[in-house]
Amino acid sequence: MLASGKNVLKETPLSKIHKVYLKENFKDLEILNYLKENKIHYEFLNIKRLLSLTKDVHQGIVLDIDDYEYYDLNTCLDEDFILVLDHLEDPHNLGAIIRTAECAGIKSIIIPDNRSIRVNETVMKISAGALNNVKIILVKNLNNALKKLQENYFFVYTADMDGKDYTQVDYAAKRVLVIGSEGFGVSHLTKQISDEVISIPMYGKINSLNASVSAAILIYGMLRGNNDSNGR
């Protein structure tokens, strides 16, 4: 798997880095010293060859690293807040959501293995290192995964524009937040399986938010709601 950028280099475990490609005349001494000190094999390439490796903004650095290893659903059953992404397709949204989840203390994100963006170079870059602290769980069937979570005492909240105002909900101690895809939202069956459908009030003329923005608002809203309930 290829990845790029200075932050990705510093945040990737050394054991997962196979080789680093640098733009010819690369002059960042901090990066060069980091590579030498950690005995990371690197090679200088002309800009044309470097660009052939990645279409992303690379900062003169492209890494050859291990493919991402997804986790199993059973690894998250003892947690208290899990995020589920229903066929998200934009890598920028996934990367931003991973970053928000890590900041909020969420340890696991579940994605389906079909019609969904996987962890790639862009996701790694946008997540800004958060991917090292958040497990991405890949499941065959999203609705079956939700049912298993419910069997393990999780309460499933699904985000949809026709749901209850998220600020007016008392959240369970073990909770799942489902965020829908950019173009189609959450599937009808997923909404049926859910314990409660919640929404973000809209006061403007545009009636929807970017998936990563919606996720951030609802994640922190649910955390605050849970803390308020514990304080009463």
C-alpha atoms as a PDB file:
ATOM      1  CA  MET A   1       0.000   0.000   0.000  1.00  0.00           C
ATOM      2  CA  LEU A   2       1.264   3.488  -0.841  1.00  0.00           C
ATOM      3  CA  ALA A   3       0.821   6.508   1.393  1.00  0.00           C
ATOM      4  CA  SER A   4       2.305   9.986   1.334  1.00  0.00           C
ATOM      5  CA  GLY A   5       3.191  13.028   3.400  1.00  0.00           C
ATOM      6  CA  LYS A   6       5.428  13.976   6.300  1.00  0.00           C
ATOM      7  CA  ASN A   7       2.830  13.388   9.013  1.00  0.00           C
ATOM      8  CA  VAL A   8       1.993   9.932   7.693  1.00  0.00           C
ATOM      9  CA  LEU A   9       5.690   9.056   7.796  1.00  0.00           C
ATOM     10  CA  LYS A  10       6.066  10.121  11.425  1.00  0.00           C
ATOM     11  CA  GLU A  11       2.846   8.472  12.550  1.00  0.00           C
ATOM     12  CA  THR A  12       3.264   5.104  10.813  1.00  0.00           C
ATOM     13  CA  PRO A  13       4.818   2.394  13.008  1.00  0.00           C
ATOM     14  CA  LEU A  14       8.358   1.682  11.817  1.00  0.00           C
ATOM     15  CA  SER A  15       7.611  -2.030  11.480  1.00  0.00           C
ATOM     16  CA  LYS A  16       5.012  -1.279   8.786  1.00  0.00           C
ATOM     17  CA  ILE A  17       7.273   0.825   6.559  1.00  0.00           C
ATOM     18  CA  HIS A  18       8.972  -1.076   3.729  1.00  0.00           C
ATOM     19  CA  LYS A  19      10.541   1.815   1.858  1.00  0.00           C
ATOM     20  CA  VAL A  20      10.303   5.590   1.414  1.00  0.00           C
ATOM     21  CA  TYR A  21      10.572   7.439  -1.876  1.00  0.00           C
ATOM     22  CA  LEU A  22      11.747  11.056  -1.782  1.00  0.00           C
ATOM     23  CA  LYS A  23      11.663  13.769  -4.405  1.00  0.00           C
ATOM     24  CA  GLU A  24      15.135  14.442  -5.821  1.00  0.00           C
ATOM     25  CA  ASN A  25      16.881  17.311  -4.018  1.00  0.00           C
ATOM     26  CA  PHE A  26      14.679  16.721  -0.967  1.00  0.00           C
ATOM     27  CA  LYS A  27      16.151  19.011   1.689  1.00  0.00           C
ATOM     28  CA  ASP A  28      14.123  18.514   4.879  1.00  0.00           C
ATOM     29  CA  LEU A  29      16.916  17.601   7.295  1.00  0.00           C
ATOM     30  CA  GLU A  30      14.500  16.586  10.038  1.00  0.00           C
ATOM     31  CA  ILE A  31      12.928  13.957   7.767  1.00  0.00           C
ATOM     32  CA  LEU A  32      16.278  12.803   6.384  1.00  0.00           C
ATOM     33  CA  ASN A  33      17.677  12.408   9.898  1.00  0.00           C
ATOM     34  CA  TYR A  34      14.535  10.541  10.963  1.00  0.00           C
ATOM     35  CA  LEU A  35      14.976   8.064   8.121  1.00  0.00           C
ATOM     36  CA  LYS A  36      18.667   7.545   8.864  1.00  0.00           C
ATOM     37  CA  GLU A  37      18.246   7.250  12.625  1.00  0.00           C
ATOM     38  CA  ASN A  38      15.515   4.645  12.231  1.00  0.00           C
ATOM     39  CA  LYS A  39      17.336   2.821   9.425  1.00  0.00           C
ATOM     40  CA  ILE A  40      14.439   3.213   7.001  1.00  0.00           C
ATOM     41  CA  HIS A  41      15.429   2.404   3.436  1.00  0.00           C
ATOM     42  CA  TYR A  42      14.797   5.349   1.114  1.00  0.00           C
ATOM     43  CA  GLU A  43      15.349   6.304  -2.507  1.00  0.00           C
ATOM     44  CA  PHE A  44      15.344   9.596  -4.418  1.00  0.00           C
ATOM     45  CA  LEU A  45      13.104   9.831  -7.489  1.00  0.00           C
ATOM     46  CA  ASN A  46      12.572  12.575 -10.044  1.00  0.00           C
ATOM     47  CA  ILE A  47       9.240  14.360  -9.761  1.00  0.00           C
ATOM     48  CA  LYS A  48       7.706  12.546 -12.734  1.00  0.00           C
ATOM     49  CA  ARG A  49       8.355   9.116 -11.206  1.00  0.00           C
ATOM     50  CA  LEU A  50       7.154  10.293  -7.803  1.00  0.00           C
ATOM     51  CA  LEU A  51       3.915  11.594  -9.301  1.00  0.00           C
ATOM     52  CA  SER A  52       3.399   8.241 -11.002  1.00  0.00           C
ATOM     53  CA  LEU A  53       3.163   6.672  -7.541  1.00  0.00           C
ATOM     54  CA  THR A  54       0.483   8.942  -6.103  1.00  0.00           C
ATOM     55  CA  LYS A  55      -2.145  11.445  -7.140  1.00  0.00           C
ATOM     56  CA  ASP A  56      -2.341  12.845  -3.625  1.00  0.00           C
ATOM     57  CA  VAL A  57      -0.472  15.850  -2.207  1.00  0.00           C
ATOM     58  CA  HIS A  58       2.776  14.128  -1.263  1.00  0.00           C
ATOM     59  CA  GLN A  59       5.108  16.833   0.181  1.00  0.00           C
ATOM     60  CA  GLY A  60       7.948  15.065  -1.615  1.00  0.00           C
ATOM     61  CA  ILE A  61       7.438  11.806   0.318  1.00  0.00           C
ATOM     62  CA  VAL A  62       5.756   8.548  -0.721  1.00  0.00           C
ATOM     63  CA  LEU A  63       5.779   5.506   1.554  1.00  0.00           C
ATOM     64  CA  ASP A  64       5.448   1.842   0.721  1.00  0.00           C
ATOM     65  CA  ILE A  65       3.760   0.387   3.804  1.00  0.00           C
ATOM     66  CA  ASP A  66       1.775  -2.675   4.897  1.00  0.00           C
ATOM     67  CA  ASP A  67      -1.842  -2.858   3.785  1.00  0.00           C
ATOM     68  CA  TYR A  68      -4.296  -1.898   6.505  1.00  0.00           C
ATOM     69  CA  GLU A  69      -5.429  -4.867   8.596  1.00  0.00           C
ATOM     70  CA  TYR A  70      -9.122  -4.673   9.455  1.00  0.00           C
ATOM     71  CA  TYR A  71     -10.527  -5.837  12.783  1.00  0.00           C
ATOM     72  CA  ASP A  72     -13.276  -8.287  13.708  1.00  0.00           C
ATOM     73  CA  LEU A  73     -16.636  -7.255  15.206  1.00  0.00           C
ATOM     74  CA  ASN A  74     -15.944  -9.204  18.386  1.00  0.00           C
ATOM     75  CA  THR A  75     -13.109  -6.819  19.271  1.00  0.00           C
ATOM     76  CA  CYS A  76     -15.505  -3.965  20.089  1.00  0.00           C
ATOM     77  CA  LEU A  77     -18.243  -5.638  22.117  1.00  0.00           C
ATOM     78  CA  ASP A  78     -16.904  -4.402  25.465  1.00  0.00           C
ATOM     79  CA  GLU A  79     -16.819  -0.745  24.386  1.00  0.00           C
ATOM     80  CA  ASP A  80     -19.502   1.848  25.117  1.00  0.00           C
ATOM     81  CA  PHE A  81     -19.614   3.961  21.925  1.00  0.00           C
ATOM     82  CA  ILE A  82     -19.255   2.553  18.412  1.00  0.00           C
ATOM     83  CA  LEU A  83     -19.564   4.387  15.118  1.00  0.00           C
ATOM     84  CA  VAL A  84     -21.120   2.702  12.060  1.00  0.00           C
ATOM     85  CA  LEU A  85     -20.790   4.131   8.540  1.00  0.00           C
ATOM     86  CA  ASP A  86     -23.475   2.966   6.116  1.00  0.00           C
ATOM     87  CA  HIS A  87     -21.734   2.727   2.704  1.00  0.00           C
ATOM     88  CA  LEU A  88     -19.699   5.919   2.900  1.00  0.00           C
ATOM     89  CA  GLU A  89     -17.885   6.536  -0.389  1.00  0.00           C
ATOM     90  CA  ASP A  90     -15.750   9.659   0.052  1.00  0.00           C
ATOM     91  CA  PRO A  91     -12.244   8.989   1.466  1.00  0.00           C
ATOM     92  CA  HIS A  92     -12.039  12.580   2.742  1.00  0.00           C
ATOM     93  CA  ASN A  93     -15.182  12.030   4.810  1.00  0.00           C
ATOM     94  CA  LEU A  94     -13.892   8.741   6.201  1.00  0.00           C
ATOM     95  CA  GLY A  95     -10.538  10.276   7.120  1.00  0.00           C
ATOM     96  CA  ALA A  96     -12.193  13.249   8.831  1.00  0.00           C
ATOM     97  CA  ILE A  97     -14.612  10.993  10.727  1.00  0.00           C
ATOM     98  CA  ILE A  98     -11.759   8.779  11.952  1.00  0.00           C
ATOM     99  CA  ARG A  99      -9.987  11.880  13.238  1.00  0.00           C
ATOM    100  CA  THR A 100     -13.114  13.137  15.030  1.00  0.00           C
ATOM    101  CA  ALA A 101     -13.800   9.698  16.494  1.00  0.00           C
ATOM    102  CA  GLU A 102     -10.274   9.442  17.898  1.00  0.00           C
ATOM    103  CA  CYS A 103     -10.525  12.898  19.452  1.00  0.00           C
ATOM    104  CA  ALA A 104     -13.828  11.890  21.067  1.00  0.00           C
ATOM    105  CA  GLY A 105     -12.371   8.683  22.486  1.00  0.00           C
ATOM    106  CA  ILE A 106     -14.236   6.310  20.160  1.00  0.00           C
ATOM    107  CA  LYS A 107     -12.125   3.223  19.597  1.00  0.00           C
ATOM    108  CA  SER A 108     -14.021   1.427  16.794  1.00  0.00           C
ATOM    109  CA  ILE A 109     -15.663   2.278  13.472  1.00  0.00           C
ATOM    110  CA  ILE A 110     -17.623  -0.336  11.520  1.00  0.00           C
ATOM    111  CA  ILE A 111     -17.873  -0.292   7.721  1.00  0.00           C
ATOM    112  CA  PRO A 112     -19.392  -2.802   5.246  1.00  0.00           C
ATOM    113  CA  ASP A 113     -17.146  -4.604   2.793  1.00  0.00           C
ATOM    114  CA  ASN A 114     -19.287  -3.735  -0.248  1.00  0.00           C
ATOM    115  CA  ARG A 115     -20.057  -0.325  -1.785  1.00  0.00           C
ATOM    116  CA  SER A 116     -17.937   1.435   0.821  1.00  0.00           C
ATOM    117  CA  ILE A 117     -14.650   3.294   0.819  1.00  0.00           C
ATOM    118  CA  ARG A 118     -11.783   1.327   2.338  1.00  0.00           C
ATOM    119  CA  VAL A 119      -8.683   2.614   4.109  1.00  0.00           C
ATOM    120  CA  ASN A 120      -6.448   4.078   1.414  1.00  0.00           C
ATOM    121  CA  GLU A 121      -3.771   6.728   0.991  1.00  0.00           C
ATOM    122  CA  THR A 122      -6.210   9.646   1.199  1.00  0.00           C
ATOM    123  CA  VAL A 123      -7.945   8.259   4.284  1.00  0.00           C
ATOM    124  CA  MET A 124      -4.595   7.865   6.025  1.00  0.00           C
ATOM    125  CA  LYS A 125      -3.540  11.416   5.204  1.00  0.00           C
ATOM    126  CA  ILE A 126      -6.832  13.063   6.223  1.00  0.00           C
ATOM    127  CA  SER A 127      -7.060  11.090   9.466  1.00  0.00           C
ATOM    128  CA  ALA A 128      -3.733  12.675  10.481  1.00  0.00           C
ATOM    129  CA  GLY A 129      -2.461   9.714  12.504  1.00  0.00           C
ATOM    130  CA  ALA A 130      -5.773   8.950  14.211  1.00  0.00           C
ATOM    131  CA  LEU A 131      -5.972   5.675  12.299  1.00  0.00           C
ATOM    132  CA  ASN A 132      -3.292   4.274  14.587  1.00  0.00           C
ATOM    133  CA  ASN A 133      -5.668   4.638  17.558  1.00  0.00           C
ATOM    134  CA  VAL A 134      -9.022   3.680  15.991  1.00  0.00           C
ATOM    135  CA  LYS A 135      -9.972   0.165  14.862  1.00  0.00           C
ATOM    136  CA  ILE A 136     -11.702  -0.085  11.494  1.00  0.00           C
ATOM    137  CA  ILE A 137     -13.959  -3.145  11.563  1.00  0.00           C
ATOM    138  CA  LEU A 138     -15.019  -4.663   8.246  1.00  0.00           C
ATOM    139  CA  VAL A 139     -18.278  -6.663   8.190  1.00  0.00           C
ATOM    140  CA  LYS A 140     -20.056  -8.668   5.508  1.00  0.00           C
ATOM    141  CA  ASN A 141     -23.531  -7.477   6.433  1.00  0.00           C
ATOM    142  CA  LEU A 142     -24.074  -4.184   8.246  1.00  0.00           C
ATOM    143  CA  ASN A 143     -27.564  -4.986   9.504  1.00  0.00           C
ATOM    144  CA  ASN A 144     -26.483  -8.328  10.927  1.00  0.00           C
ATOM    145  CA  ALA A 145     -23.656  -6.509  12.706  1.00  0.00           C
ATOM    146  CA  LEU A 146     -26.147  -4.041  14.208  1.00  0.00           C
ATOM    147  CA  LYS A 147     -28.349  -6.907  15.422  1.00  0.00           C
ATOM    148  CA  LYS A 148     -25.354  -8.535  17.098  1.00  0.00           C
ATOM    149  CA  LEU A 149     -24.517  -5.248  18.813  1.00  0.00           C
ATOM    150  CA  GLN A 150     -28.108  -5.015  20.058  1.00  0.00           C
ATOM    151  CA  GLU A 151     -27.831  -8.562  21.394  1.00  0.00           C
ATOM    152  CA  ASN A 152     -24.823  -7.309  23.353  1.00  0.00           C
ATOM    153  CA  TYR A 153     -26.882  -4.506  24.950  1.00  0.00           C
ATOM    154  CA  PHE A 154     -26.029  -1.671  22.567  1.00  0.00           C
ATOM    155  CA  PHE A 155     -28.725   0.874  21.711  1.00  0.00           C
ATOM    156  CA  VAL A 156     -28.589   1.874  18.030  1.00  0.00           C
ATOM    157  CA  TYR A 157     -29.138   5.522  17.070  1.00  0.00           C
ATOM    158  CA  THR A 158     -29.372   6.245  13.351  1.00  0.00           C
ATOM    159  CA  ALA A 159     -28.938   9.713  11.880  1.00  0.00           C
ATOM    160  CA  ASP A 160     -31.632  10.747   9.423  1.00  0.00           C
ATOM    161  CA  MET A 161     -33.350  14.023   8.595  1.00  0.00           C
ATOM    162  CA  ASP A 162     -36.785  12.791   9.750  1.00  0.00           C
ATOM    163  CA  GLY A 163     -35.581  11.710  13.197  1.00  0.00           C
ATOM    164  CA  LYS A 164     -35.962  13.188  16.668  1.00  0.00           C
ATOM    165  CA  ASP A 165     -33.909  16.270  17.563  1.00  0.00           C
ATOM    166  CA  TYR A 166     -30.623  14.781  18.853  1.00  0.00           C
ATOM    167  CA  THR A 167     -30.505  17.291  21.728  1.00  0.00           C
ATOM    168  CA  GLN A 168     -33.784  15.946  23.107  1.00  0.00           C
ATOM    169  CA  VAL A 169     -32.685  12.327  23.464  1.00  0.00           C
ATOM    170  CA  ASP A 170     -31.555  10.496  26.615  1.00  0.00           C
ATOM    171  CA  TYR A 171     -28.716   8.277  25.402  1.00  0.00           C
ATOM    172  CA  ALA A 172     -28.018   4.762  26.624  1.00  0.00           C
ATOM    173  CA  ALA A 173     -24.721   3.883  28.268  1.00  0.00           C
ATOM    174  CA  LYS A 174     -23.799   1.487  25.438  1.00  0.00           C
ATOM    175  CA  ARG A 175     -24.582   3.213  22.156  1.00  0.00           C
ATOM    176  CA  VAL A 176     -24.038   2.964  18.421  1.00  0.00           C
ATOM    177  CA  LEU A 177     -24.275   5.901  16.031  1.00  0.00           C
ATOM    178  CA  VAL A 178     -25.051   5.107  12.385  1.00  0.00           C
ATOM    179  CA  ILE A 179     -24.115   7.702   9.745  1.00  0.00           C
ATOM    180  CA  GLY A 180     -25.407   7.260   6.187  1.00  0.00           C
ATOM    181  CA  SER A 181     -23.717   7.642   2.829  1.00  0.00           C
ATOM    182  CA  GLU A 182     -23.219  11.009   1.160  1.00  0.00           C
ATOM    183  CA  GLY A 183     -25.773  10.504  -1.582  1.00  0.00           C
ATOM    184  CA  PHE A 184     -28.347   8.093  -0.177  1.00  0.00           C
ATOM    185  CA  GLY A 185     -28.253   8.434   3.594  1.00  0.00           C
ATOM    186  CA  VAL A 186     -29.095   5.399   5.709  1.00  0.00           C
ATOM    187  CA  SER A 187     -30.829   2.415   4.132  1.00  0.00           C
ATOM    188  CA  HIS A 188     -34.511   1.791   4.940  1.00  0.00           C
ATOM    189  CA  LEU A 189     -33.811  -1.568   6.605  1.00  0.00           C
ATOM    190  CA  THR A 190     -31.101  -0.058   8.792  1.00  0.00           C
ATOM    191  CA  LYS A 191     -33.557   2.566  10.011  1.00  0.00           C
ATOM    192  CA  GLN A 192     -36.091  -0.167  10.782  1.00  0.00           C
ATOM    193  CA  ILE A 193     -33.525  -2.094  12.830  1.00  0.00           C
ATOM    194  CA  SER A 194     -32.475   1.012  14.769  1.00  0.00           C
ATOM    195  CA  ASP A 195     -33.751   1.691  18.275  1.00  0.00           C
ATOM    196  CA  GLU A 196     -34.102   5.409  17.600  1.00  0.00           C
ATOM    197  CA  VAL A 197     -33.661   7.750  14.639  1.00  0.00           C
ATOM    198  CA  ILE A 198     -32.128  11.115  15.469  1.00  0.00           C
ATOM    199  CA  SER A 199     -31.554  14.279  13.463  1.00  0.00           C
ATOM    200  CA  ILE A 200     -29.773  17.618  13.508  1.00  0.00           C
ATOM    201  CA  PRO A 201     -32.221  20.559  13.289  1.00  0.00           C
ATOM    202  CA  MET A 202     -31.819  22.593  10.088  1.00  0.00           C
ATOM    203  CA  TYR A 203     -32.580  26.313  10.069  1.00  0.00           C
ATOM    204  CA  GLY A 204     -31.275  27.332   6.664  1.00  0.00           C
ATOM    205  CA  LYS A 205     -32.391  26.665   3.122  1.00  0.00           C
ATOM    206  CA  ILE A 206     -30.017  23.722   2.639  1.00  0.00           C
ATOM    207  CA  ASN A 207     -31.431  20.651   4.362  1.00  0.00           C
ATOM    208  CA  SER A 208     -28.349  18.443   4.734  1.00  0.00           C
ATOM    209  CA  LEU A 209     -24.806  18.475   6.084  1.00  0.00           C
ATOM    210  CA  ASN A 210     -21.608  16.811   4.956  1.00  0.00           C
ATOM    211  CA  ALA A 211     -21.336  13.310   6.472  1.00  0.00           C
ATOM    212  CA  SER A 212     -18.197  14.137   8.462  1.00  0.00           C
ATOM    213  CA  VAL A 213     -19.758  17.337   9.843  1.00  0.00           C
ATOM    214  CA  SER A 214     -22.935  15.486  10.834  1.00  0.00           C
ATOM    215  CA  ALA A 215     -20.861  12.787  12.511  1.00  0.00           C
ATOM    216  CA  ALA A 216     -18.872  15.351  14.520  1.00  0.00           C
ATOM    217  CA  ILE A 217     -21.979  17.173  15.742  1.00  0.00           C
ATOM    218  CA  LEU A 218     -23.781  13.991  16.734  1.00  0.00           C
ATOM    219  CA  ILE A 219     -20.763  12.303  18.340  1.00  0.00           C
ATOM    220  CA  TYR A 220     -20.144  15.214  20.680  1.00  0.00           C
ATOM    221  CA  GLY A 221     -23.863  15.757  21.192  1.00  0.00           C
ATOM    222  CA  MET A 222     -24.256  12.158  22.292  1.00  0.00           C
ATOM    223  CA  LEU A 223     -21.237  12.376  24.576  1.00  0.00           C
ATOM    224  CA  ARG A 224     -22.558  15.544  26.168  1.00  0.00           C
ATOM    225  CA  GLY A 225     -26.043  14.079  26.501  1.00  0.00           C
ATOM    226  CA  ASN A 226     -24.649  10.997  28.202  1.00  0.00           C
ATOM    227  CA  ASN A 227     -22.531  13.085  30.574  1.00  0.00           C
ATOM    228  CA  ASP A 228     -25.518  15.290  31.439  1.00  0.00           C
ATOM    229  CA  SER A 229     -27.570  12.192  32.227  1.00  0.00           C
ATOM    230  CA  ASN A 230     -24.821  10.862  34.492  1.00  0.00           C
ATOM    231  CA  GLY A 231     -24.688  14.196  36.266  1.00  0.00           C
ATOM    232  CA  ARG A 232     -28.377  14.221  37.154  1.00  0.00           C
END
